[in-house]
Amino acid sequence: MFTPFSSGYYLGRLYVAPSKGEDAVLQETQHENVNRELYADGTGIERLDQPLVMKLETNHFAVHPDNSVPEGALGVPEEILETTNVENPPELREVLLAKADHAERLIEFGAV
């Protein structure tokens, strides 16, 4: 689903659509799998529901698990979606997923 892209990001393709709430969301099982594969470091018991940090065009945002979203789709709040070039959602788009250490920095600096 995501492949290495740069020192700070993985690249993936998801159908981008408006979310029903204020948070960006990804299907719960898919969210957990991405968390396990790309964020967990294997040092004991780890939370697999931690927000993922994604970037769509110039927007960084935290992504939370939600079963109302179909697998392969990324639900994005309207206020973020309006600042993108997504014209006819759901639209297949490239999205960046911050690598764990980069995600921590983005959260620490308040970019998400």
Protein backbone atom coordinates (compact mmCIF):
# COMPACT_ATOMS: atom_id res chain seq x y z
CA MET A 1 0.00 0.00 0.00
CA PHE A 2 2.85 2.41 0.88
CA THR A 3 6.36 2.30 -0.54
CA PRO A 4 9.46 4.21 0.55
CA PHE A 5 9.57 7.61 -1.13
CA SER A 6 12.14 9.77 0.67
CA SER A 7 13.95 9.99 3.98
CA GLY A 8 10.77 11.30 5.63
CA TYR A 9 7.86 9.77 3.73
CA TYR A 10 6.23 6.71 2.21
CA LEU A 11 4.15 7.11 -0.95
CA GLY A 12 0.72 5.59 -1.41
CA ARG A 13 -2.42 5.92 -3.51
CA LEU A 14 -5.81 6.20 -1.88
CA TYR A 15 -9.25 7.33 -2.93
CA VAL A 16 -9.67 10.74 -1.30
CA ALA A 17 -13.19 11.67 -0.25
CA PRO A 18 -14.79 14.04 2.26
CA SER A 19 -15.04 12.69 5.81
CA LYS A 20 -18.19 13.04 7.86
CA GLY A 21 -16.40 14.43 10.92
CA GLU A 22 -13.62 16.81 11.79
CA ASP A 23 -10.83 14.21 11.52
CA ALA A 24 -9.14 12.57 8.58
CA VAL A 25 -9.92 8.85 8.71
CA LEU A 26 -8.81 5.52 7.26
CA GLN A 27 -10.61 2.17 7.51
CA GLU A 28 -9.84 0.76 10.99
CA THR A 29 -8.18 -2.52 9.97
CA GLN A 30 -6.15 -0.80 7.28
CA HIS A 31 -5.12 1.90 9.76
CA GLU A 32 -4.02 -0.75 12.26
CA ASN A 33 -2.04 -2.66 9.62
CA VAL A 34 -0.20 0.49 8.48
CA ASN A 35 0.52 1.35 12.12
CA ARG A 36 1.88 -2.15 12.76
CA GLU A 37 3.99 -2.32 9.60
CA LEU A 38 5.35 1.23 9.44
CA TYR A 39 5.11 2.84 12.89
CA ALA A 40 5.56 0.04 15.42
CA ASP A 41 9.14 -0.71 16.40
CA GLY A 42 8.56 -4.16 17.89
CA THR A 43 9.72 -3.29 21.40
CA GLY A 44 6.89 -4.75 23.44
CA ILE A 45 3.22 -3.85 23.61
CA GLU A 46 2.43 -0.97 21.28
CA ARG A 47 -0.75 0.94 20.51
CA LEU A 48 -1.92 0.35 16.95
CA ASP A 49 -4.54 3.11 16.99
CA GLN A 50 -2.04 5.99 17.11
CA PRO A 51 -2.84 8.63 14.50
CA LEU A 52 -0.93 8.32 11.26
CA VAL A 53 0.48 11.53 9.81
CA MET A 54 -0.28 12.02 6.12
CA LYS A 55 0.25 14.76 3.60
CA LEU A 56 -2.06 15.56 0.70
CA GLU A 57 -0.56 18.23 -1.53
CA THR A 58 0.59 20.87 1.01
CA ASN A 59 -1.60 19.76 3.93
CA HIS A 60 -0.33 17.65 6.83
CA PHE A 61 -2.94 16.03 9.08
CA ALA A 62 -3.44 13.24 11.60
CA VAL A 63 -5.40 10.24 10.35
CA HIS A 64 -7.54 8.23 12.77
CA PRO A 65 -9.16 4.78 12.45
CA ASP A 66 -12.84 4.64 11.43
CA ASN A 67 -14.91 1.69 10.21
CA SER A 68 -17.29 3.88 8.22
CA VAL A 69 -14.62 4.45 5.57
CA PRO A 70 -14.17 1.81 2.85
CA GLU A 71 -10.79 0.11 2.54
CA GLY A 72 -8.50 2.03 0.22
CA ALA A 73 -10.18 5.37 0.92
CA LEU A 74 -8.98 8.33 2.92
CA GLY A 75 -11.69 10.51 4.43
CA VAL A 76 -10.53 14.12 4.65
CA PRO A 77 -12.36 16.98 6.40
CA GLU A 78 -14.05 19.43 4.02
CA GLU A 79 -11.89 22.35 5.19
CA ILE A 80 -8.75 20.51 4.09
CA LEU A 81 -10.31 19.06 0.95
CA GLU A 82 -11.31 22.55 -0.21
CA THR A 83 -7.64 23.59 -0.28
CA THR A 84 -6.66 20.76 -2.65
CA ASN A 85 -7.09 20.01 -6.34
CA VAL A 86 -9.48 17.12 -5.62
CA GLU A 87 -12.38 18.00 -7.89
CA ASN A 88 -14.61 14.92 -8.09
CA PRO A 89 -14.28 12.86 -4.91
CA PRO A 90 -13.72 10.06 -4.40
CA GLU A 91 -10.63 10.62 -6.49
CA LEU A 92 -7.55 8.36 -6.60
CA ARG A 93 -4.63 10.47 -5.41
CA GLU A 94 -1.06 10.07 -4.30
CA VAL A 95 -0.65 10.72 -0.58
CA LEU A 96 2.44 10.81 1.56
CA LEU A 97 2.66 9.02 4.91
CA ALA A 98 5.26 10.46 7.25
CA LYS A 99 7.75 7.90 8.54
CA ALA A 100 7.53 7.36 12.31
CA ASP A 101 10.40 9.67 13.29
CA HIS A 102 9.28 12.39 10.89
CA ALA A 103 5.68 12.07 12.13
CA GLU A 104 6.88 12.59 15.71
CA ARG A 105 8.70 15.77 14.67
CA LEU A 106 5.67 17.10 12.79
CA ILE A 107 3.46 16.49 15.83
CA GLU A 108 6.07 17.99 18.18
CA PHE A 109 6.31 21.17 16.09
CA GLY A 110 2.53 21.46 15.84
CA ALA A 111 2.34 20.91 12.07
CA VAL A 112 -0.53 18.46 12.56
